[in-house]
Amino acid sequence: MKVAFSSNGKELSDNIAEFFGRCAYFIVVEVEGEKIIKTESLRNENENQVSGAGMLVAKFLVEKDVDVVIAKSVGPRALDVLKQFNIEVYKEEGVIGDVLEKFIDKKIRK
């Protein structure tokens, strides 16, 4: 399973970003059972789009085969794109590593 976090930085120690489409990075974590298999930091090339950044980011994450998105807030059009591709969306805030632990322990609810 691939979990994407909207992030202010490149590390699991960074915070979840305020806005999904306008975040600086996405931290994509591949999880198998309760183990972290791989962590990847991806620059959000759509961060400075005039409009439609959320939808472009959602499509980008679809192309990366993401199964779950965890963000502080996701706009309605981006949410529609993610749902269309059966990507689960969780709204959380805080340090990414801490939220990831809660997610792995199944302590996060939609």
PDB file of N, CA and C in Angstrom:
ATOM      1  N   MET A   1       0.839  -1.169   0.000  1.00  0.00           N
ATOM      2  CA  MET A   1       0.000   0.000   0.000  1.00  0.00           C
ATOM      3  C   MET A   1       0.888   1.237   0.000  1.00  0.00           C
ATOM      4  N   LYS A   2       0.548   2.217  -0.836  1.00  0.00           N
ATOM      5  CA  LYS A   2       1.283   3.476  -0.887  1.00  0.00           C
ATOM      6  C   LYS A   2       0.444   4.576  -0.244  1.00  0.00           C
ATOM      7  N   VAL A   3       1.051   5.257   0.728  1.00  0.00           N
ATOM      8  CA  VAL A   3       0.394   6.333   1.456  1.00  0.00           C
ATOM      9  C   VAL A   3       1.125   7.634   1.141  1.00  0.00           C
ATOM     10  N   ALA A   4       0.406   8.650   0.663  1.00  0.00           N
ATOM     11  CA  ALA A   4       1.000   9.947   0.333  1.00  0.00           C
ATOM     12  C   ALA A   4       0.570  10.992   1.352  1.00  0.00           C
ATOM     13  N   PHE A   5       1.543  11.709   1.890  1.00  0.00           N
ATOM     14  CA  PHE A   5       1.297  12.800   2.839  1.00  0.00           C
ATOM     15  C   PHE A   5       1.620  14.120   2.153  1.00  0.00           C
ATOM     16  N   SER A   6       0.740  15.110   2.270  1.00  0.00           N
ATOM     17  CA  SER A   6       1.108  16.462   1.842  1.00  0.00           C
ATOM     18  C   SER A   6       2.065  16.984   2.905  1.00  0.00           C
ATOM     19  N   SER A   7       3.182  17.565   2.477  1.00  0.00           N
ATOM     20  CA  SER A   7       4.236  17.890   3.441  1.00  0.00           C
ATOM     21  C   SER A   7       4.851  19.261   3.213  1.00  0.00           C
ATOM     22  N   ASN A   8       5.328  19.844   4.311  1.00  0.00           N
ATOM     23  CA  ASN A   8       6.081  21.094   4.239  1.00  0.00           C
ATOM     24  C   ASN A   8       7.546  20.843   3.892  1.00  0.00           C
ATOM     25  N   GLY A   9       8.011  19.618   4.050  1.00  0.00           N
ATOM     26  CA  GLY A   9       9.415  19.294   3.807  1.00  0.00           C
ATOM     27  C   GLY A   9       9.575  17.886   3.273  1.00  0.00           C
ATOM     28  N   LYS A  10      10.818  17.419   3.275  1.00  0.00           N
ATOM     29  CA  LYS A  10      11.167  16.140   2.651  1.00  0.00           C
ATOM     30  C   LYS A  10      11.238  14.961   3.609  1.00  0.00           C
ATOM     31  N   GLU A  11      11.031  15.200   4.905  1.00  0.00           N
ATOM     32  CA  GLU A  11      11.282  14.168   5.906  1.00  0.00           C
ATOM     33  C   GLU A  11      10.030  13.764   6.676  1.00  0.00           C
ATOM     34  N   LEU A  12      10.064  12.566   7.254  1.00  0.00           N
ATOM     35  CA  LEU A  12       8.957  12.110   8.100  1.00  0.00           C
ATOM     36  C   LEU A  12       8.824  12.967   9.358  1.00  0.00           C
ATOM     37  N   SER A  13       9.869  13.707   9.687  1.00  0.00           N
ATOM     38  CA  SER A  13       9.827  14.587  10.856  1.00  0.00           C
ATOM     39  C   SER A  13       9.179  15.939  10.555  1.00  0.00           C
ATOM     40  N   ASP A  14       8.818  16.174   9.293  1.00  0.00           N
ATOM     41  CA  ASP A  14       8.144  17.417   8.907  1.00  0.00           C
ATOM     42  C   ASP A  14       6.647  17.309   9.166  1.00  0.00           C
ATOM     43  N   ASN A  15       5.989  18.453   9.170  1.00  0.00           N
ATOM     44  CA  ASN A  15       4.541  18.500   9.408  1.00  0.00           C
ATOM     45  C   ASN A  15       3.737  18.298   8.132  1.00  0.00           C
ATOM     46  N   ILE A  16       2.535  17.801   8.316  1.00  0.00           N
ATOM     47  CA  ILE A  16       1.577  17.727   7.219  1.00  0.00           C
ATOM     48  C   ILE A  16       1.273  19.163   6.812  1.00  0.00           C
ATOM     49  N   ALA A  17       1.274  19.424   5.516  1.00  0.00           N
ATOM     50  CA  ALA A  17       1.064  20.777   4.993  1.00  0.00           C
ATOM     51  C   ALA A  17      -0.384  21.224   5.163  1.00  0.00           C
ATOM     52  N   GLU A  18      -0.554  22.520   5.219  1.00  0.00           N
ATOM     53  CA  GLU A  18      -1.870  23.133   5.384  1.00  0.00           C
ATOM     54  C   GLU A  18      -2.801  22.800   4.214  1.00  0.00           C
ATOM     55  N   PHE A  19      -2.268  22.900   2.990  1.00  0.00           N
ATOM     56  CA  PHE A  19      -3.107  22.716   1.801  1.00  0.00           C
ATOM     57  C   PHE A  19      -2.543  21.625   0.896  1.00  0.00           C
ATOM     58  N   PHE A  20      -3.385  20.711   0.482  1.00  0.00           N
ATOM     59  CA  PHE A  20      -3.023  19.566  -0.357  1.00  0.00           C
ATOM     60  C   PHE A  20      -2.371  20.001  -1.670  1.00  0.00           C
ATOM     61  N   GLY A  21      -3.039  20.811  -2.448  1.00  0.00           N
ATOM     62  CA  GLY A  21      -2.541  21.178  -3.774  1.00  0.00           C
ATOM     63  C   GLY A  21      -1.378  22.139  -3.757  1.00  0.00           C
ATOM     64  N   ARG A  22      -1.185  22.837  -2.668  1.00  0.00           N
ATOM     65  CA  ARG A  22      -0.153  23.879  -2.573  1.00  0.00           C
ATOM     66  C   ARG A  22       1.019  23.477  -1.672  1.00  0.00           C
ATOM     67  N   CYS A  23       1.096  22.208  -1.289  1.00  0.00           N
ATOM     68  CA  CYS A  23       2.203  21.783  -0.440  1.00  0.00           C
ATOM     69  C   CYS A  23       3.500  21.758  -1.244  1.00  0.00           C
ATOM     70  N   ALA A  24       4.616  21.821  -0.550  1.00  0.00           N
ATOM     71  CA  ALA A  24       5.923  21.821  -1.207  1.00  0.00           C
ATOM     72  C   ALA A  24       6.327  20.427  -1.685  1.00  0.00           C
ATOM     73  N   TYR A  25       5.967  19.411  -0.897  1.00  0.00           N
ATOM     74  CA  TYR A  25       6.380  18.038  -1.196  1.00  0.00           C
ATOM     75  C   TYR A  25       5.254  17.057  -0.884  1.00  0.00           C
ATOM     76  N   PHE A  26       5.419  15.871  -1.422  1.00  0.00           N
ATOM     77  CA  PHE A  26       4.633  14.722  -0.998  1.00  0.00           C
ATOM     78  C   PHE A  26       5.609  13.676  -0.513  1.00  0.00           C
ATOM     79  N   ILE A  27       5.333  13.142   0.655  1.00  0.00           N
ATOM     80  CA  ILE A  27       6.115  12.027   1.168  1.00  0.00           C
ATOM     81  C   ILE A  27       5.275  10.787   0.893  1.00  0.00           C
ATOM     82  N   VAL A  28       5.791   9.902   0.076  1.00  0.00           N
ATOM     83  CA  VAL A  28       5.080   8.669  -0.277  1.00  0.00           C
ATOM     84  C   VAL A  28       5.759   7.522   0.455  1.00  0.00           C
ATOM     85  N   VAL A  29       4.966   6.838   1.257  1.00  0.00           N
ATOM     86  CA  VAL A  29       5.485   5.739   2.073  1.00  0.00           C
ATOM     87  C   VAL A  29       4.805   4.449   1.637  1.00  0.00           C
ATOM     88  N   GLU A  30       5.624   3.470   1.293  1.00  0.00           N
ATOM     89  CA  GLU A  30       5.087   2.159   0.948  1.00  0.00           C
ATOM     90  C   GLU A  30       5.073   1.316   2.218  1.00  0.00           C
ATOM     91  N   VAL A  31       3.885   0.840   2.564  1.00  0.00           N
ATOM     92  CA  VAL A  31       3.682   0.085   3.795  1.00  0.00           C
ATOM     93  C   VAL A  31       3.183  -1.311   3.431  1.00  0.00           C
ATOM     94  N   GLU A  32       3.770  -2.304   4.078  1.00  0.00           N
ATOM     95  CA  GLU A  32       3.330  -3.681   3.894  1.00  0.00           C
ATOM     96  C   GLU A  32       3.073  -4.251   5.285  1.00  0.00           C
ATOM     97  N   GLY A  33       1.802  -4.487   5.588  1.00  0.00           N
ATOM     98  CA  GLY A  33       1.447  -4.910   6.944  1.00  0.00           C
ATOM     99  C   GLY A  33       1.733  -3.776   7.899  1.00  0.00           C
ATOM    100  N   GLU A  34       2.649  -4.005   8.837  1.00  0.00           N
ATOM    101  CA  GLU A  34       3.038  -2.966   9.789  1.00  0.00           C
ATOM    102  C   GLU A  34       4.454  -2.464   9.537  1.00  0.00           C
ATOM    103  N   LYS A  35       5.018  -2.794   8.378  1.00  0.00           N
ATOM    104  CA  LYS A  35       6.394  -2.416   8.070  1.00  0.00           C
ATOM    105  C   LYS A  35       6.445  -1.360   6.976  1.00  0.00           C
ATOM    106  N   ILE A  36       7.367  -0.422   7.158  1.00  0.00           N
ATOM    107  CA  ILE A  36       7.639   0.579   6.132  1.00  0.00           C
ATOM    108  C   ILE A  36       8.666  -0.014   5.183  1.00  0.00           C
ATOM    109  N   ILE A  37       8.286  -0.150   3.928  1.00  0.00           N
ATOM    110  CA  ILE A  37       9.159  -0.759   2.925  1.00  0.00           C
ATOM    111  C   ILE A  37      10.032   0.285   2.239  1.00  0.00           C
ATOM    112  N   LYS A  38       9.427   1.444   1.926  1.00  0.00           N
ATOM    113  CA  LYS A  38      10.145   2.469   1.169  1.00  0.00           C
ATOM    114  C   LYS A  38       9.536   3.832   1.468  1.00  0.00           C
ATOM    115  N   THR A  39      10.386   4.849   1.516  1.00  0.00           N
ATOM    116  CA  THR A  39       9.939   6.223   1.695  1.00  0.00           C
ATOM    117  C   THR A  39      10.552   7.066   0.581  1.00  0.00           C
ATOM    118  N   GLU A  40       9.709   7.893  -0.032  1.00  0.00           N
ATOM    119  CA  GLU A  40      10.155   8.717  -1.152  1.00  0.00           C
ATOM    120  C   GLU A  40       9.605  10.131  -0.985  1.00  0.00           C
ATOM    121  N   SER A  41      10.433  11.115  -1.254  1.00  0.00           N
ATOM    122  CA  SER A  41      10.015  12.517  -1.200  1.00  0.00           C
ATOM    123  C   SER A  41       9.882  13.035  -2.624  1.00  0.00           C
ATOM    124  N   LEU A  42       8.707  13.569  -2.957  1.00  0.00           N
ATOM    125  CA  LEU A  42       8.446  14.058  -4.304  1.00  0.00           C
ATOM    126  C   LEU A  42       8.117  15.547  -4.268  1.00  0.00           C
ATOM    127  N   ARG A  43       8.810  16.337  -5.040  1.00  0.00           N
ATOM    128  CA  ARG A  43       8.550  17.781  -5.135  1.00  0.00           C
ATOM    129  C   ARG A  43       7.210  17.995  -5.824  1.00  0.00           C
ATOM    130  N   ASN A  44       6.401  18.896  -5.290  1.00  0.00           N
ATOM    131  CA  ASN A  44       5.116  19.237  -5.905  1.00  0.00           C
ATOM    132  C   ASN A  44       5.369  20.300  -6.964  1.00  0.00           C
ATOM    133  N   GLU A  45       5.421  19.878  -8.210  1.00  0.00           N
ATOM    134  CA  GLU A  45       5.685  20.796  -9.324  1.00  0.00           C
ATOM    135  C   GLU A  45       4.490  21.707  -9.617  1.00  0.00           C
ATOM    136  N   ASN A  46       3.329  21.419  -9.030  1.00  0.00           N
ATOM    137  CA  ASN A  46       2.118  22.197  -9.273  1.00  0.00           C
ATOM    138  C   ASN A  46       1.822  23.193  -8.161  1.00  0.00           C
ATOM    139  N   GLU A  47       2.732  23.322  -7.231  1.00  0.00           N
ATOM    140  CA  GLU A  47       2.540  24.167  -6.050  1.00  0.00           C
ATOM    141  C   GLU A  47       2.153  25.607  -6.399  1.00  0.00           C
ATOM    142  N   ASN A  48       2.718  26.152  -7.466  1.00  0.00           N
ATOM    143  CA  ASN A  48       2.492  27.559  -7.806  1.00  0.00           C
ATOM    144  C   ASN A  48       1.534  27.767  -8.979  1.00  0.00           C
ATOM    145  N   GLN A  49       0.763  26.748  -9.323  1.00  0.00           N
ATOM    146  CA  GLN A  49      -0.242  26.891 -10.384  1.00  0.00           C
ATOM    147  C   GLN A  49      -1.216  28.010 -10.017  1.00  0.00           C
ATOM    148  N   VAL A  50      -1.662  28.739 -11.007  1.00  0.00           N
ATOM    149  CA  VAL A  50      -2.622  29.817 -10.768  1.00  0.00           C
ATOM    150  C   VAL A  50      -3.947  29.240 -10.288  1.00  0.00           C
ATOM    151  N   SER A  51      -4.400  28.182 -10.934  1.00  0.00           N
ATOM    152  CA  SER A  51      -5.633  27.516 -10.498  1.00  0.00           C
ATOM    153  C   SER A  51      -5.555  26.035 -10.855  1.00  0.00           C
ATOM    154  N   GLY A  52      -6.356  25.246 -10.162  1.00  0.00           N
ATOM    155  CA  GLY A  52      -6.422  23.815 -10.455  1.00  0.00           C
ATOM    156  C   GLY A  52      -5.273  22.987  -9.916  1.00  0.00           C
ATOM    157  N   ALA A  53      -4.507  23.532  -8.982  1.00  0.00           N
ATOM    158  CA  ALA A  53      -3.353  22.801  -8.450  1.00  0.00           C
ATOM    159  C   ALA A  53      -3.780  21.489  -7.804  1.00  0.00           C
ATOM    160  N   GLY A  54      -4.862  21.501  -7.045  1.00  0.00           N
ATOM    161  CA  GLY A  54      -5.321  20.297  -6.362  1.00  0.00           C
ATOM    162  C   GLY A  54      -5.661  19.171  -7.315  1.00  0.00           C
ATOM    163  N   MET A  55      -6.346  19.504  -8.399  1.00  0.00           N
ATOM    164  CA  MET A  55      -6.706  18.470  -9.380  1.00  0.00           C
ATOM    165  C   MET A  55      -5.467  17.905 -10.063  1.00  0.00           C
ATOM    166  N   LEU A  56      -4.515  18.779 -10.404  1.00  0.00           N
ATOM    167  CA  LEU A  56      -3.281  18.307 -11.043  1.00  0.00           C
ATOM    168  C   LEU A  56      -2.487  17.406 -10.110  1.00  0.00           C
ATOM    169  N   VAL A  57      -2.428  17.777  -8.848  1.00  0.00           N
ATOM    170  CA  VAL A  57      -1.731  16.966  -7.847  1.00  0.00           C
ATOM    171  C   VAL A  57      -2.428  15.623  -7.669  1.00  0.00           C
ATOM    172  N   ALA A  58      -3.753  15.637  -7.619  1.00  0.00           N
ATOM    173  CA  ALA A  58      -4.506  14.386  -7.486  1.00  0.00           C
ATOM    174  C   ALA A  58      -4.189  13.453  -8.651  1.00  0.00           C
ATOM    175  N   LYS A  59      -4.154  13.982  -9.853  1.00  0.00           N
ATOM    176  CA  LYS A  59      -3.826  13.163 -11.041  1.00  0.00           C
ATOM    177  C   LYS A  59      -2.393  12.643 -10.960  1.00  0.00           C
ATOM    178  N   PHE A  60      -1.478  13.470 -10.480  1.00  0.00           N
ATOM    179  CA  PHE A  60      -0.085  13.063 -10.298  1.00  0.00           C
ATOM    180  C   PHE A  60       0.006  11.874  -9.341  1.00  0.00           C
ATOM    181  N   LEU A  61      -0.738  11.934  -8.237  1.00  0.00           N
ATOM    182  CA  LEU A  61      -0.704  10.843  -7.256  1.00  0.00           C
ATOM    183  C   LEU A  61      -1.377   9.581  -7.794  1.00  0.00           C
ATOM    184  N   VAL A  62      -2.383   9.745  -8.641  1.00  0.00           N
ATOM    185  CA  VAL A  62      -2.989   8.587  -9.310  1.00  0.00           C
ATOM    186  C   VAL A  62      -1.932   7.887 -10.160  1.00  0.00           C
ATOM    187  N   GLU A  63      -1.138   8.666 -10.893  1.00  0.00           N
ATOM    188  CA  GLU A  63      -0.076   8.110 -11.738  1.00  0.00           C
ATOM    189  C   GLU A  63       1.004   7.417 -10.919  1.00  0.00           C
ATOM    190  N   LYS A  64       1.173   7.822  -9.677  1.00  0.00           N
ATOM    191  CA  LYS A  64       2.163   7.209  -8.788  1.00  0.00           C
ATOM    192  C   LYS A  64       1.595   5.987  -8.056  1.00  0.00           C
ATOM    193  N   ASP A  65       0.379   5.588  -8.405  1.00  0.00           N
ATOM    194  CA  ASP A  65      -0.278   4.405  -7.818  1.00  0.00           C
ATOM    195  C   ASP A  65      -0.459   4.504  -6.310  1.00  0.00           C
ATOM    196  N   VAL A  66      -0.801   5.698  -5.837  1.00  0.00           N
ATOM    197  CA  VAL A  66      -1.047   5.916  -4.419  1.00  0.00           C
ATOM    198  C   VAL A  66      -2.406   5.324  -4.047  1.00  0.00           C
ATOM    199  N   ASP A  67      -2.489   4.698  -2.879  1.00  0.00           N
ATOM    200  CA  ASP A  67      -3.733   4.105  -2.395  1.00  0.00           C
ATOM    201  C   ASP A  67      -4.436   4.988  -1.367  1.00  0.00           C
ATOM    202  N   VAL A  68      -3.651   5.790  -0.625  1.00  0.00           N
ATOM    203  CA  VAL A  68      -4.173   6.600   0.467  1.00  0.00           C
ATOM    204  C   VAL A  68      -3.506   7.968   0.434  1.00  0.00           C
ATOM    205  N   VAL A  69      -4.288   9.008   0.694  1.00  0.00           N
ATOM    206  CA  VAL A  69      -3.760  10.362   0.858  1.00  0.00           C
ATOM    207  C   VAL A  69      -4.090  10.817   2.268  1.00  0.00           C
ATOM    208  N   ILE A  70      -3.095  11.381   2.941  1.00  0.00           N
ATOM    209  CA  ILE A  70      -3.313  11.972   4.259  1.00  0.00           C
ATOM    210  C   ILE A  70      -2.874  13.429   4.165  1.00  0.00           C
ATOM    211  N   ALA A  71      -3.823  14.333   4.398  1.00  0.00           N
ATOM    212  CA  ALA A  71      -3.577  15.770   4.273  1.00  0.00           C
ATOM    213  C   ALA A  71      -4.420  16.508   5.301  1.00  0.00           C
ATOM    214  N   LYS A  72      -4.052  17.748   5.564  1.00  0.00           N
ATOM    215  CA  LYS A  72      -4.838  18.551   6.502  1.00  0.00           C
ATOM    216  C   LYS A  72      -6.156  18.975   5.861  1.00  0.00           C
ATOM    217  N   SER A  73      -6.100  19.367   4.595  1.00  0.00           N
ATOM    218  CA  SER A  73      -7.323  19.721   3.873  1.00  0.00           C
ATOM    219  C   SER A  73      -7.148  19.417   2.391  1.00  0.00           C
ATOM    220  N   VAL A  74      -8.234  18.973   1.767  1.00  0.00           N
ATOM    221  CA  VAL A  74      -8.254  18.659   0.345  1.00  0.00           C
ATOM    222  C   VAL A  74      -9.475  19.345  -0.250  1.00  0.00           C
ATOM    223  N   GLY A  75      -9.254  20.091  -1.322  1.00  0.00           N
ATOM    224  CA  GLY A  75     -10.352  20.794  -1.970  1.00  0.00           C
ATOM    225  C   GLY A  75     -11.339  19.829  -2.618  1.00  0.00           C
ATOM    226  N   PRO A  76     -12.558  20.302  -2.881  1.00  0.00           N
ATOM    227  CA  PRO A  76     -13.609  19.424  -3.398  1.00  0.00           C
ATOM    228  C   PRO A  76     -13.322  18.813  -4.771  1.00  0.00           C
ATOM    229  N   ARG A  77     -12.705  19.561  -5.663  1.00  0.00           N
ATOM    230  CA  ARG A  77     -12.429  19.003  -6.997  1.00  0.00           C
ATOM    231  C   ARG A  77     -11.323  17.952  -6.938  1.00  0.00           C
ATOM    232  N   ALA A  78     -10.292  18.212  -6.132  1.00  0.00           N
ATOM    233  CA  ALA A  78      -9.232  17.208  -5.957  1.00  0.00           C
ATOM    234  C   ALA A  78      -9.787  15.975  -5.277  1.00  0.00           C
ATOM    235  N   LEU A  79     -10.661  16.184  -4.307  1.00  0.00           N
ATOM    236  CA  LEU A  79     -11.292  15.064  -3.601  1.00  0.00           C
ATOM    237  C   LEU A  79     -12.093  14.202  -4.566  1.00  0.00           C
ATOM    238  N   ASP A  80     -12.791  14.836  -5.488  1.00  0.00           N
ATOM    239  CA  ASP A  80     -13.552  14.091  -6.503  1.00  0.00           C
ATOM    240  C   ASP A  80     -12.639  13.212  -7.353  1.00  0.00           C
ATOM    241  N   VAL A  81     -11.498  13.766  -7.772  1.00  0.00           N
ATOM    242  CA  VAL A  81     -10.546  12.989  -8.583  1.00  0.00           C
ATOM    243  C   VAL A  81     -10.027  11.801  -7.789  1.00  0.00           C
ATOM    244  N   LEU A  82      -9.645  12.019  -6.543  1.00  0.00           N
ATOM    245  CA  LEU A  82      -9.111  10.935  -5.717  1.00  0.00           C
ATOM    246  C   LEU A  82     -10.160   9.842  -5.501  1.00  0.00           C
ATOM    247  N   LYS A  83     -11.381  10.242  -5.212  1.00  0.00           N
ATOM    248  CA  LYS A  83     -12.454   9.260  -5.003  1.00  0.00           C
ATOM    249  C   LYS A  83     -12.755   8.480  -6.280  1.00  0.00           C
ATOM    250  N   GLN A  84     -12.672   9.158  -7.415  1.00  0.00           N
ATOM    251  CA  GLN A  84     -12.919   8.500  -8.709  1.00  0.00           C
ATOM    252  C   GLN A  84     -11.958   7.321  -8.915  1.00  0.00           C
ATOM    253  N   PHE A  85     -10.756   7.428  -8.362  1.00  0.00           N
ATOM    254  CA  PHE A  85      -9.758   6.365  -8.505  1.00  0.00           C
ATOM    255  C   PHE A  85      -9.620   5.526  -7.238  1.00  0.00           C
ATOM    256  N   ASN A  86     -10.641   5.593  -6.381  1.00  0.00           N
ATOM    257  CA  ASN A  86     -10.706   4.789  -5.159  1.00  0.00           C
ATOM    258  C   ASN A  86      -9.524   5.008  -4.220  1.00  0.00           C
ATOM    259  N   ILE A  87      -9.027   6.225  -4.183  1.00  0.00           N
ATOM    260  CA  ILE A  87      -7.966   6.575  -3.246  1.00  0.00           C
ATOM    261  C   ILE A  87      -8.628   7.079  -1.967  1.00  0.00           C
ATOM    262  N   GLU A  88      -8.295   6.444  -0.856  1.00  0.00           N
ATOM    263  CA  GLU A  88      -8.854   6.840   0.434  1.00  0.00           C
ATOM    264  C   GLU A  88      -8.209   8.138   0.887  1.00  0.00           C
ATOM    265  N   VAL A  89      -8.996   9.010   1.507  1.00  0.00           N
ATOM    266  CA  VAL A  89      -8.491  10.298   1.969  1.00  0.00           C
ATOM    267  C   VAL A  89      -8.766  10.437   3.464  1.00  0.00           C
ATOM    268  N   TYR A  90      -7.715  10.770   4.212  1.00  0.00           N
ATOM    269  CA  TYR A  90      -7.817  11.010   5.641  1.00  0.00           C
ATOM    270  C   TYR A  90      -7.357  12.436   5.914  1.00  0.00           C
ATOM    271  N   LYS A  91      -8.082  13.142   6.754  1.00  0.00           N
ATOM    272  CA  LYS A  91      -7.708  14.507   7.110  1.00  0.00           C
ATOM    273  C   LYS A  91      -7.078  14.487   8.498  1.00  0.00           C
ATOM    274  N   GLU A  92      -5.796  14.817   8.523  1.00  0.00           N
ATOM    275  CA  GLU A  92      -5.016  14.805   9.758  1.00  0.00           C
ATOM    276  C   GLU A  92      -4.052  15.972   9.762  1.00  0.00           C
ATOM    277  N   GLU A  93      -3.518  16.271  10.929  1.00  0.00           N
ATOM    278  CA  GLU A  93      -2.466  17.276  11.044  1.00  0.00           C
ATOM    279  C   GLU A  93      -1.431  16.787  12.037  1.00  0.00           C
ATOM    280  N   GLY A  94      -0.255  17.401  11.987  1.00  0.00           N
ATOM    281  CA  GLY A  94       0.808  17.019  12.900  1.00  0.00           C
ATOM    282  C   GLY A  94       2.039  16.536  12.164  1.00  0.00           C
ATOM    283  N   VAL A  95       2.941  15.915  12.915  1.00  0.00           N
ATOM    284  CA  VAL A  95       4.191  15.391  12.364  1.00  0.00           C
ATOM    285  C   VAL A  95       3.879  14.122  11.556  1.00  0.00           C
ATOM    286  N   ILE A  96       4.392  14.060  10.357  1.00  0.00           N
ATOM    287  CA  ILE A  96       4.076  12.959   9.439  1.00  0.00           C
ATOM    288  C   ILE A  96       4.414  11.602  10.048  1.00  0.00           C
ATOM    289  N   GLY A  97       5.585  11.461  10.648  1.00  0.00           N
ATOM    290  CA  GLY A  97       5.982  10.183  11.253  1.00  0.00           C
ATOM    291  C   GLY A  97       5.008   9.721  12.321  1.00  0.00           C
ATOM    292  N   ASP A  98       4.515  10.658  13.137  1.00  0.00           N
ATOM    293  CA  ASP A  98       3.553  10.314  14.189  1.00  0.00           C
ATOM    294  C   ASP A  98       2.219   9.872  13.585  1.00  0.00           C
ATOM    295  N   VAL A  99       1.768  10.595  12.572  1.00  0.00           N
ATOM    296  CA  VAL A  99       0.504  10.249  11.915  1.00  0.00           C
ATOM    297  C   VAL A  99       0.642   8.913  11.190  1.00  0.00           C
ATOM    298  N   LEU A 100       1.803   8.668  10.589  1.00  0.00           N
ATOM    299  CA  LEU A 100       2.055   7.391   9.926  1.00  0.00           C
ATOM    300  C   LEU A 100       1.950   6.235  10.923  1.00  0.00           C
ATOM    301  N   GLU A 101       2.526   6.398  12.111  1.00  0.00           N
ATOM    302  CA  GLU A 101       2.425   5.362  13.140  1.00  0.00           C
ATOM    303  C   GLU A 101       0.969   5.082  13.503  1.00  0.00           C
ATOM    304  N   LYS A 102       0.191   6.152  13.668  1.00  0.00           N
ATOM    305  CA  LYS A 102      -1.238   5.978  13.975  1.00  0.00           C
ATOM    306  C   LYS A 102      -1.959   5.268  12.847  1.00  0.00           C
ATOM    307  N   PHE A 103      -1.605   5.609  11.602  1.00  0.00           N
ATOM    308  CA  PHE A 103      -2.234   4.971  10.449  1.00  0.00           C
ATOM    309  C   PHE A 103      -1.903   3.478  10.416  1.00  0.00           C
ATOM    310  N   ILE A 104      -0.651   3.142  10.623  1.00  0.00           N
ATOM    311  CA  ILE A 104      -0.221   1.742  10.609  1.00  0.00           C
ATOM    312  C   ILE A 104      -0.929   0.963  11.722  1.00  0.00           C
ATOM    313  N   ASP A 105      -1.100   1.613  12.872  1.00  0.00           N
ATOM    314  CA  ASP A 105      -1.784   0.982  14.009  1.00  0.00           C
ATOM    315  C   ASP A 105      -3.316   1.013  13.877  1.00  0.00           C
ATOM    316  N   LYS A 106      -3.787   1.535  12.731  1.00  0.00           N
ATOM    317  CA  LYS A 106      -5.226   1.622  12.426  1.00  0.00           C
ATOM    318  C   LYS A 106      -5.985   2.462  13.444  1.00  0.00           C
ATOM    319  N   LYS A 107      -5.340   3.549  13.894  1.00  0.00           N
ATOM    320  CA  LYS A 107      -5.979   4.433  14.875  1.00  0.00           C
ATOM    321  C   LYS A 107      -6.475   5.726  14.228  1.00  0.00           C
ATOM    322  N   ILE A 108      -6.453   5.770  12.903  1.00  0.00           N
ATOM    323  CA  ILE A 108      -6.962   6.936  12.175  1.00  0.00           C
ATOM    324  C   ILE A 108      -8.261   6.543  11.506  1.00  0.00           C
ATOM    325  N   ARG A 109      -9.210   7.423  11.594  1.00  0.00           N
ATOM    326  CA  ARG A 109     -10.515   7.183  10.949  1.00  0.00           C
ATOM    327  C   ARG A 109     -10.747   8.222   9.869  1.00  0.00           C
ATOM    328  N   LYS A 110     -11.524   7.834   8.868  1.00  0.00           N
ATOM    329  CA  LYS A 110     -11.863   8.771   7.781  1.00  0.00           C
ATOM    330  C   LYS A 110     -12.700   9.900   8.302  1.00  0.00           C
TER     331      LYS A 110
END
